[in-house]
Amino acid sequence: MATLHLLCGKIASGKSTLATRLAEAPNTVRLSGVQGPPARTQRRWRT
């Protein structure tokens, strides 16, 4: 069974740190959304 962790919160609250620690588990994929300038709504995904 798969588990999805969706992290959201205030700036500098430790979201990236927690995501990095969670990603250390075996068979884990970390996706990080990168949003461009506000005028452009294109999203690029990094793994």
PDB file of N, CA and C in Angstrom:
ATOM      1  N   MET A   1       0.844  -1.173   0.000  1.00  0.00           N
ATOM      2  CA  MET A   1       0.000   0.000   0.000  1.00  0.00           C
ATOM      3  C   MET A   1       0.892   1.241   0.000  1.00  0.00           C
ATOM      4  N   ALA A   2       0.544   2.207  -0.822  1.00  0.00           N
ATOM      5  CA  ALA A   2       1.320   3.437  -0.952  1.00  0.00           C
ATOM      6  C   ALA A   2       0.822   4.500   0.024  1.00  0.00           C
ATOM      7  N   THR A   3       1.735   5.388   0.378  1.00  0.00           N
ATOM      8  CA  THR A   3       1.406   6.515   1.253  1.00  0.00           C
ATOM      9  C   THR A   3       1.835   7.802   0.570  1.00  0.00           C
ATOM     10  N   LEU A   4       0.978   8.802   0.608  1.00  0.00           N
ATOM     11  CA  LEU A   4       1.287  10.113   0.046  1.00  0.00           C
ATOM     12  C   LEU A   4       1.377  11.116   1.184  1.00  0.00           C
ATOM     13  N   HIS A   5       2.488  11.841   1.239  1.00  0.00           N
ATOM     14  CA  HIS A   5       2.654  12.915   2.219  1.00  0.00           C
ATOM     15  C   HIS A   5       2.601  14.222   1.450  1.00  0.00           C
ATOM     16  N   LEU A   6       1.648  15.065   1.742  1.00  0.00           N
ATOM     17  CA  LEU A   6       1.529  16.382   1.121  1.00  0.00           C
ATOM     18  C   LEU A   6       1.876  17.410   2.192  1.00  0.00           C
ATOM     19  N   LEU A   7       2.940  18.153   1.954  1.00  0.00           N
ATOM     20  CA  LEU A   7       3.413  19.110   2.952  1.00  0.00           C
ATOM     21  C   LEU A   7       3.074  20.531   2.534  1.00  0.00           C
ATOM     22  N   CYS A   8       2.506  21.278   3.429  1.00  0.00           N
ATOM     23  CA  CYS A   8       2.249  22.693   3.193  1.00  0.00           C
ATOM     24  C   CYS A   8       2.391  23.425   4.524  1.00  0.00           C
ATOM     25  N   GLY A   9       2.717  24.685   4.450  1.00  0.00           N
ATOM     26  CA  GLY A   9       2.892  25.456   5.667  1.00  0.00           C
ATOM     27  C   GLY A   9       3.546  26.790   5.381  1.00  0.00           C
ATOM     28  N   LYS A  10       3.828  27.489   6.429  1.00  0.00           N
ATOM     29  CA  LYS A  10       4.419  28.826   6.313  1.00  0.00           C
ATOM     30  C   LYS A  10       5.872  28.740   5.854  1.00  0.00           C
ATOM     31  N   ILE A  11       6.351  29.869   5.370  1.00  0.00           N
ATOM     32  CA  ILE A  11       7.735  29.986   4.929  1.00  0.00           C
ATOM     33  C   ILE A  11       8.661  29.663   6.106  1.00  0.00           C
ATOM     34  N   ALA A  12       9.707  28.901   5.823  1.00  0.00           N
ATOM     35  CA  ALA A  12      10.744  28.548   6.804  1.00  0.00           C
ATOM     36  C   ALA A  12      10.208  27.741   7.982  1.00  0.00           C
ATOM     37  N   SER A  13       9.160  26.938   7.737  1.00  0.00           N
ATOM     38  CA  SER A  13       8.607  26.130   8.822  1.00  0.00           C
ATOM     39  C   SER A  13       9.171  24.713   8.859  1.00  0.00           C
ATOM     40  N   GLY A  14      10.063  24.368   7.896  1.00  0.00           N
ATOM     41  CA  GLY A  14      10.708  23.065   7.910  1.00  0.00           C
ATOM     42  C   GLY A  14      10.114  22.057   6.935  1.00  0.00           C
ATOM     43  N   LYS A  15       9.334  22.513   5.974  1.00  0.00           N
ATOM     44  CA  LYS A  15       8.714  21.603   5.003  1.00  0.00           C
ATOM     45  C   LYS A  15       9.765  20.851   4.192  1.00  0.00           C
ATOM     46  N   SER A  16      10.751  21.551   3.670  1.00  0.00           N
ATOM     47  CA  SER A  16      11.787  20.915   2.854  1.00  0.00           C
ATOM     48  C   SER A  16      12.638  19.969   3.685  1.00  0.00           C
ATOM     49  N   THR A  17      12.922  20.343   4.908  1.00  0.00           N
ATOM     50  CA  THR A  17      13.697  19.478   5.792  1.00  0.00           C
ATOM     51  C   THR A  17      12.961  18.179   6.061  1.00  0.00           C
ATOM     52  N   LEU A  18      11.677  18.275   6.350  1.00  0.00           N
ATOM     53  CA  LEU A  18      10.875  17.079   6.587  1.00  0.00           C
ATOM     54  C   LEU A  18      10.780  16.231   5.324  1.00  0.00           C
ATOM     55  N   ALA A  19      10.582  16.872   4.165  1.00  0.00           N
ATOM     56  CA  ALA A  19      10.504  16.142   2.901  1.00  0.00           C
ATOM     57  C   ALA A  19      11.803  15.396   2.624  1.00  0.00           C
ATOM     58  N   THR A  20      12.930  16.021   2.900  1.00  0.00           N
ATOM     59  CA  THR A  20      14.228  15.381   2.701  1.00  0.00           C
ATOM     60  C   THR A  20      14.365  14.161   3.597  1.00  0.00           C
ATOM     61  N   ARG A  21      13.956  14.272   4.839  1.00  0.00           N
ATOM     62  CA  ARG A  21      14.038  13.131   5.769  1.00  0.00           C
ATOM     63  C   ARG A  21      13.102  12.007   5.361  1.00  0.00           C
ATOM     64  N   LEU A  22      11.902  12.356   4.924  1.00  0.00           N
ATOM     65  CA  LEU A  22      10.959  11.333   4.470  1.00  0.00           C
ATOM     66  C   LEU A  22      11.479  10.622   3.223  1.00  0.00           C
ATOM     67  N   ALA A  23      12.171  11.358   2.359  1.00  0.00           N
ATOM     68  CA  ALA A  23      12.674  10.804   1.103  1.00  0.00           C
ATOM     69  C   ALA A  23      13.834   9.838   1.306  1.00  0.00           C
ATOM     70  N   GLU A  24      14.407   9.801   2.489  1.00  0.00           N
ATOM     71  CA  GLU A  24      15.511   8.890   2.767  1.00  0.00           C
ATOM     72  C   GLU A  24      15.044   7.446   2.918  1.00  0.00           C
ATOM     73  N   ALA A  25      13.749   7.236   3.080  1.00  0.00           N
ATOM     74  CA  ALA A  25      13.212   5.877   3.217  1.00  0.00           C
ATOM     75  C   ALA A  25      13.361   5.138   1.892  1.00  0.00           C
ATOM     76  N   PRO A  26      13.554   3.812   1.950  1.00  0.00           N
ATOM     77  CA  PRO A  26      13.683   3.050   0.706  1.00  0.00           C
ATOM     78  C   PRO A  26      12.402   3.101  -0.131  1.00  0.00           C
ATOM     79  N   ASN A  27      12.571   2.987  -1.450  1.00  0.00           N
ATOM     80  CA  ASN A  27      11.459   3.000  -2.411  1.00  0.00           C
ATOM     81  C   ASN A  27      10.604   4.252  -2.307  1.00  0.00           C
ATOM     82  N   THR A  28      11.255   5.397  -2.087  1.00  0.00           N
ATOM     83  CA  THR A  28      10.545   6.663  -1.941  1.00  0.00           C
ATOM     84  C   THR A  28      10.871   7.579  -3.114  1.00  0.00           C
ATOM     85  N   VAL A  29       9.874   8.277  -3.614  1.00  0.00           N
ATOM     86  CA  VAL A  29      10.054   9.269  -4.667  1.00  0.00           C
ATOM     87  C   VAL A  29       9.651  10.618  -4.103  1.00  0.00           C
ATOM     88  N   ARG A  30      10.516  11.599  -4.276  1.00  0.00           N
ATOM     89  CA  ARG A  30      10.213  12.956  -3.812  1.00  0.00           C
ATOM     90  C   ARG A  30       9.937  13.843  -5.005  1.00  0.00           C
ATOM     91  N   LEU A  31       8.788  14.470  -5.028  1.00  0.00           N
ATOM     92  CA  LEU A  31       8.422  15.416  -6.076  1.00  0.00           C
ATOM     93  C   LEU A  31       8.382  16.809  -5.473  1.00  0.00           C
ATOM     94  N   SER A  32       8.957  17.753  -6.179  1.00  0.00           N
ATOM     95  CA  SER A  32       8.985  19.123  -5.689  1.00  0.00           C
ATOM     96  C   SER A  32       8.508  20.039  -6.803  1.00  0.00           C
ATOM     97  N   GLY A  33       7.424  20.749  -6.584  1.00  0.00           N
ATOM     98  CA  GLY A  33       6.893  21.656  -7.599  1.00  0.00           C
ATOM     99  C   GLY A  33       7.666  22.953  -7.609  1.00  0.00           C
ATOM    100  N   VAL A  34       8.003  23.396  -8.802  1.00  0.00           N
ATOM    101  CA  VAL A  34       8.700  24.672  -8.961  1.00  0.00           C
ATOM    102  C   VAL A  34       7.784  25.564  -9.788  1.00  0.00           C
ATOM    103  N   GLN A  35       7.409  26.680  -9.216  1.00  0.00           N
ATOM    104  CA  GLN A  35       6.494  27.589  -9.900  1.00  0.00           C
ATOM    105  C   GLN A  35       7.287  28.766 -10.458  1.00  0.00           C
ATOM    106  N   GLY A  36       6.975  29.127 -11.690  1.00  0.00           N
ATOM    107  CA  GLY A  36       7.649  30.240 -12.347  1.00  0.00           C
ATOM    108  C   GLY A  36       7.129  31.576 -11.838  1.00  0.00           C
ATOM    109  N   PRO A  37       7.445  32.642 -12.543  1.00  0.00           N
ATOM    110  CA  PRO A  37       6.953  33.966 -12.158  1.00  0.00           C
ATOM    111  C   PRO A  37       5.419  33.997 -12.128  1.00  0.00           C
ATOM    112  N   PRO A  38       4.809  34.843 -11.321  1.00  0.00           N
ATOM    113  CA  PRO A  38       3.351  34.884 -11.205  1.00  0.00           C
ATOM    114  C   PRO A  38       2.625  35.091 -12.531  1.00  0.00           C
ATOM    115  N   ALA A  39       3.227  35.811 -13.477  1.00  0.00           N
ATOM    116  CA  ALA A  39       2.568  36.058 -14.758  1.00  0.00           C
ATOM    117  C   ALA A  39       2.469  34.790 -15.599  1.00  0.00           C
ATOM    118  N   ARG A  40       3.363  33.851 -15.382  1.00  0.00           N
ATOM    119  CA  ARG A  40       3.367  32.590 -16.123  1.00  0.00           C
ATOM    120  C   ARG A  40       2.983  31.475 -15.164  1.00  0.00           C
ATOM    121  N   THR A  41       1.994  30.717 -15.540  1.00  0.00           N
ATOM    122  CA  THR A  41       1.505  29.677 -14.628  1.00  0.00           C
ATOM    123  C   THR A  41       2.014  28.290 -14.984  1.00  0.00           C
ATOM    124  N   GLN A  42       3.059  28.202 -15.797  1.00  0.00           N
ATOM    125  CA  GLN A  42       3.624  26.903 -16.137  1.00  0.00           C
ATOM    126  C   GLN A  42       4.328  26.324 -14.920  1.00  0.00           C
ATOM    127  N   ARG A  43       4.182  25.011 -14.756  1.00  0.00           N
ATOM    128  CA  ARG A  43       4.873  24.340 -13.660  1.00  0.00           C
ATOM    129  C   ARG A  43       5.846  23.325 -14.220  1.00  0.00           C
ATOM    130  N   ARG A  44       6.981  23.258 -13.604  1.00  0.00           N
ATOM    131  CA  ARG A  44       7.973  22.243 -13.938  1.00  0.00           C
ATOM    132  C   ARG A  44       8.148  21.383 -12.697  1.00  0.00           C
ATOM    133  N   TRP A  45       8.302  20.080 -12.883  1.00  0.00           N
ATOM    134  CA  TRP A  45       8.432  19.164 -11.754  1.00  0.00           C
ATOM    135  C   TRP A  45       9.840  18.603 -11.699  1.00  0.00           C
ATOM    136  N   ARG A  46      10.394  18.584 -10.513  1.00  0.00           N
ATOM    137  CA  ARG A  46      11.702  17.979 -10.277  1.00  0.00           C
ATOM    138  C   ARG A  46      11.494  16.730  -9.444  1.00  0.00           C
ATOM    139  N   THR A  47      12.357  15.757  -9.615  1.00  0.00           N
ATOM    140  CA  THR A  47      12.324  14.561  -8.760  1.00  0.00           C
ATOM    141  C   THR A  47      13.622  14.459  -8.021  1.00  0.00           C
TER     142      THR A  47
END
